[in-house]
Amino acid sequence: PEFTTIRVPAAPPPEVIFSAPTADEADVPVSTTVRIQFSRDMDPSTFRNRVRVRYADDASAPPIEFTTQYLPGNRVLVLTFVNLLERLRRVQVEFGEGVLGADKQPLNPW
């Protein structure tokens, strides 16, 4: 018998589809957690050392300490801060290169 190779196109790379609080949301409690939902299943091991949280208005400030938990059923990454956030400061979450979906596709920039 003769075999034919069938190429299946790759699914689109994962991307962030929602965050809570949302970008530019004001009046967020200083004890908040951040939830980030992805469009595809993620490889949780790739978040380690590739997620950075800092105050957006002060590049020289040390990064904000936090822990992460990935909830695969919802495709949500939860960031819980070690200390209360400072009032009236904008917080920025960044994903470094190497955060991958379960199928090893890189996360689209966010």
C-alpha atoms as a PDB file:
ATOM      1  CA  PRO A   1       0.000   0.000   0.000  1.00  0.00           C
ATOM      2  CA  GLU A   2       1.040   3.556  -0.670  1.00  0.00           C
ATOM      3  CA  PHE A   3       0.953   6.162   2.107  1.00  0.00           C
ATOM      4  CA  THR A   4       0.331   9.856   1.640  1.00  0.00           C
ATOM      5  CA  THR A   5       1.567  12.424   4.115  1.00  0.00           C
ATOM      6  CA  ILE A   6      -1.162  14.769   5.251  1.00  0.00           C
ATOM      7  CA  ARG A   7      -0.004  18.030   6.778  1.00  0.00           C
ATOM      8  CA  VAL A   8      -2.324  19.489   9.361  1.00  0.00           C
ATOM      9  CA  PRO A   9      -1.866  23.230   9.841  1.00  0.00           C
ATOM     10  CA  ALA A  10      -0.724  24.234  13.301  1.00  0.00           C
ATOM     11  CA  ALA A  11      -3.285  25.815  15.560  1.00  0.00           C
ATOM     12  CA  PRO A  12      -2.793  29.517  16.196  1.00  0.00           C
ATOM     13  CA  PRO A  13      -0.304  30.356  18.944  1.00  0.00           C
ATOM     14  CA  PRO A  14      -1.712  30.987  22.420  1.00  0.00           C
ATOM     15  CA  GLU A  15      -2.586  34.528  23.412  1.00  0.00           C
ATOM     16  CA  VAL A  16      -3.976  36.370  26.413  1.00  0.00           C
ATOM     17  CA  ILE A  17      -7.720  36.825  25.965  1.00  0.00           C
ATOM     18  CA  PHE A  18      -8.666  38.359  29.310  1.00  0.00           C
ATOM     19  CA  SER A  19      -7.211  39.702  32.521  1.00  0.00           C
ATOM     20  CA  ALA A  20      -8.788  40.699  35.822  1.00  0.00           C
ATOM     21  CA  PRO A  21      -8.251  43.425  36.756  1.00  0.00           C
ATOM     22  CA  THR A  22      -8.316  44.628  33.161  1.00  0.00           C
ATOM     23  CA  ALA A  23      -5.630  46.847  31.658  1.00  0.00           C
ATOM     24  CA  ASP A  24      -5.973  50.452  32.845  1.00  0.00           C
ATOM     25  CA  GLU A  25      -8.535  49.525  35.521  1.00  0.00           C
ATOM     26  CA  ALA A  26      -8.423  51.961  38.427  1.00  0.00           C
ATOM     27  CA  ASP A  27      -9.499  51.695  42.068  1.00  0.00           C
ATOM     28  CA  VAL A  28      -8.222  48.126  42.445  1.00  0.00           C
ATOM     29  CA  PRO A  29      -7.831  46.868  46.034  1.00  0.00           C
ATOM     30  CA  VAL A  30      -4.193  46.706  47.198  1.00  0.00           C
ATOM     31  CA  SER A  31      -4.794  43.071  48.217  1.00  0.00           C
ATOM     32  CA  THR A  32      -5.944  42.018  44.739  1.00  0.00           C
ATOM     33  CA  THR A  33      -4.785  38.999  42.768  1.00  0.00           C
ATOM     34  CA  VAL A  34      -4.326  39.108  39.008  1.00  0.00           C
ATOM     35  CA  ARG A  35      -5.892  36.481  36.760  1.00  0.00           C
ATOM     36  CA  ILE A  36      -4.786  36.075  33.180  1.00  0.00           C
ATOM     37  CA  GLN A  37      -6.729  33.805  30.839  1.00  0.00           C
ATOM     38  CA  PHE A  38      -5.202  32.254  27.728  1.00  0.00           C
ATOM     39  CA  SER A  39      -6.793  31.154  24.468  1.00  0.00           C
ATOM     40  CA  ARG A  40      -5.062  27.765  24.530  1.00  0.00           C
ATOM     41  CA  ASP A  41      -3.744  25.279  27.086  1.00  0.00           C
ATOM     42  CA  MET A  42      -0.380  26.391  28.449  1.00  0.00           C
ATOM     43  CA  ASP A  43       2.732  24.522  29.591  1.00  0.00           C
ATOM     44  CA  PRO A  44       2.835  25.622  33.258  1.00  0.00           C
ATOM     45  CA  SER A  45       6.541  24.808  33.623  1.00  0.00           C
ATOM     46  CA  THR A  46       7.387  27.590  31.155  1.00  0.00           C
ATOM     47  CA  PHE A  47       6.031  30.347  33.427  1.00  0.00           C
ATOM     48  CA  ARG A  48       8.893  29.865  35.910  1.00  0.00           C
ATOM     49  CA  ASN A  49      11.297  32.837  35.767  1.00  0.00           C
ATOM     50  CA  ARG A  50       9.481  34.233  32.706  1.00  0.00           C
ATOM     51  CA  VAL A  51       6.767  36.300  34.393  1.00  0.00           C
ATOM     52  CA  ARG A  52       7.711  39.718  35.730  1.00  0.00           C
ATOM     53  CA  VAL A  53       5.568  42.171  37.670  1.00  0.00           C
ATOM     54  CA  ARG A  54       6.675  45.737  38.379  1.00  0.00           C
ATOM     55  CA  TYR A  55       5.371  49.223  38.956  1.00  0.00           C
ATOM     56  CA  ALA A  56       4.978  50.741  35.494  1.00  0.00           C
ATOM     57  CA  ASP A  57       6.005  54.250  36.526  1.00  0.00           C
ATOM     58  CA  ASP A  58       9.377  53.262  38.053  1.00  0.00           C
ATOM     59  CA  ALA A  59      11.708  51.095  35.953  1.00  0.00           C
ATOM     60  CA  SER A  60      14.386  51.241  38.672  1.00  0.00           C
ATOM     61  CA  ALA A  61      12.114  49.763  41.361  1.00  0.00           C
ATOM     62  CA  PRO A  62      12.708  46.110  42.195  1.00  0.00           C
ATOM     63  CA  PRO A  63      10.212  43.625  40.732  1.00  0.00           C
ATOM     64  CA  ILE A  64       7.107  42.924  42.822  1.00  0.00           C
ATOM     65  CA  GLU A  65       7.239  39.536  44.566  1.00  0.00           C
ATOM     66  CA  PHE A  66       4.440  37.105  43.735  1.00  0.00           C
ATOM     67  CA  THR A  67       3.520  33.447  43.420  1.00  0.00           C
ATOM     68  CA  THR A  68       1.781  31.812  40.470  1.00  0.00           C
ATOM     69  CA  GLN A  69      -0.777  29.077  40.101  1.00  0.00           C
ATOM     70  CA  TYR A  70      -1.936  27.759  36.728  1.00  0.00           C
ATOM     71  CA  LEU A  71      -5.511  26.455  36.564  1.00  0.00           C
ATOM     72  CA  PRO A  72      -5.624  24.225  33.470  1.00  0.00           C
ATOM     73  CA  GLY A  73      -9.409  23.757  33.475  1.00  0.00           C
ATOM     74  CA  ASN A  74      -9.891  27.498  32.929  1.00  0.00           C
ATOM     75  CA  ARG A  75      -6.516  28.196  31.237  1.00  0.00           C
ATOM     76  CA  VAL A  76      -5.925  30.863  33.888  1.00  0.00           C
ATOM     77  CA  LEU A  77      -2.695  31.982  35.514  1.00  0.00           C
ATOM     78  CA  VAL A  78      -3.284  33.475  38.977  1.00  0.00           C
ATOM     79  CA  LEU A  79      -0.703  35.901  40.380  1.00  0.00           C
ATOM     80  CA  THR A  80      -0.846  36.339  44.161  1.00  0.00           C
ATOM     81  CA  PHE A  81       1.308  39.100  45.606  1.00  0.00           C
ATOM     82  CA  VAL A  82       3.519  38.451  48.636  1.00  0.00           C
ATOM     83  CA  ASN A  83       2.902  41.979  49.998  1.00  0.00           C
ATOM     84  CA  LEU A  84       0.097  44.467  49.546  1.00  0.00           C
ATOM     85  CA  LEU A  85       0.471  46.577  46.425  1.00  0.00           C
ATOM     86  CA  GLU A  86       1.179  50.280  46.815  1.00  0.00           C
ATOM     87  CA  ARG A  87      -1.828  52.556  46.465  1.00  0.00           C
ATOM     88  CA  LEU A  88      -2.278  54.637  43.317  1.00  0.00           C
ATOM     89  CA  ARG A  89       0.474  52.848  41.394  1.00  0.00           C
ATOM     90  CA  ARG A  90       0.053  51.183  38.023  1.00  0.00           C
ATOM     91  CA  VAL A  91       1.235  47.569  37.915  1.00  0.00           C
ATOM     92  CA  GLN A  92       2.646  45.991  34.760  1.00  0.00           C
ATOM     93  CA  VAL A  93       2.772  42.233  34.081  1.00  0.00           C
ATOM     94  CA  GLU A  94       5.223  41.009  31.446  1.00  0.00           C
ATOM     95  CA  PHE A  95       5.835  37.580  29.933  1.00  0.00           C
ATOM     96  CA  GLY A  96       9.387  36.852  28.836  1.00  0.00           C
ATOM     97  CA  GLU A  97      10.407  34.833  25.840  1.00  0.00           C
ATOM     98  CA  GLY A  98       9.915  31.102  26.303  1.00  0.00           C
ATOM     99  CA  VAL A  99       6.353  30.983  27.695  1.00  0.00           C
ATOM    100  CA  LEU A 100       4.798  28.176  25.671  1.00  0.00           C
ATOM    101  CA  GLY A 101       1.457  26.601  24.998  1.00  0.00           C
ATOM    102  CA  ALA A 102       0.948  22.896  25.663  1.00  0.00           C
ATOM    103  CA  ASP A 103       1.796  22.279  21.989  1.00  0.00           C
ATOM    104  CA  LYS A 104       5.127  24.188  22.431  1.00  0.00           C
ATOM    105  CA  GLN A 105       4.039  27.231  20.431  1.00  0.00           C
ATOM    106  CA  PRO A 106       5.263  30.524  21.928  1.00  0.00           C
ATOM    107  CA  LEU A 107       2.825  32.909  23.579  1.00  0.00           C
ATOM    108  CA  ASN A 108       1.931  35.917  21.436  1.00  0.00           C
ATOM    109  CA  PRO A 109       3.301  39.174  22.918  1.00  0.00           C
ATOM    110  CA  TRP A 110       1.026  40.832  25.476  1.00  0.00           C
END
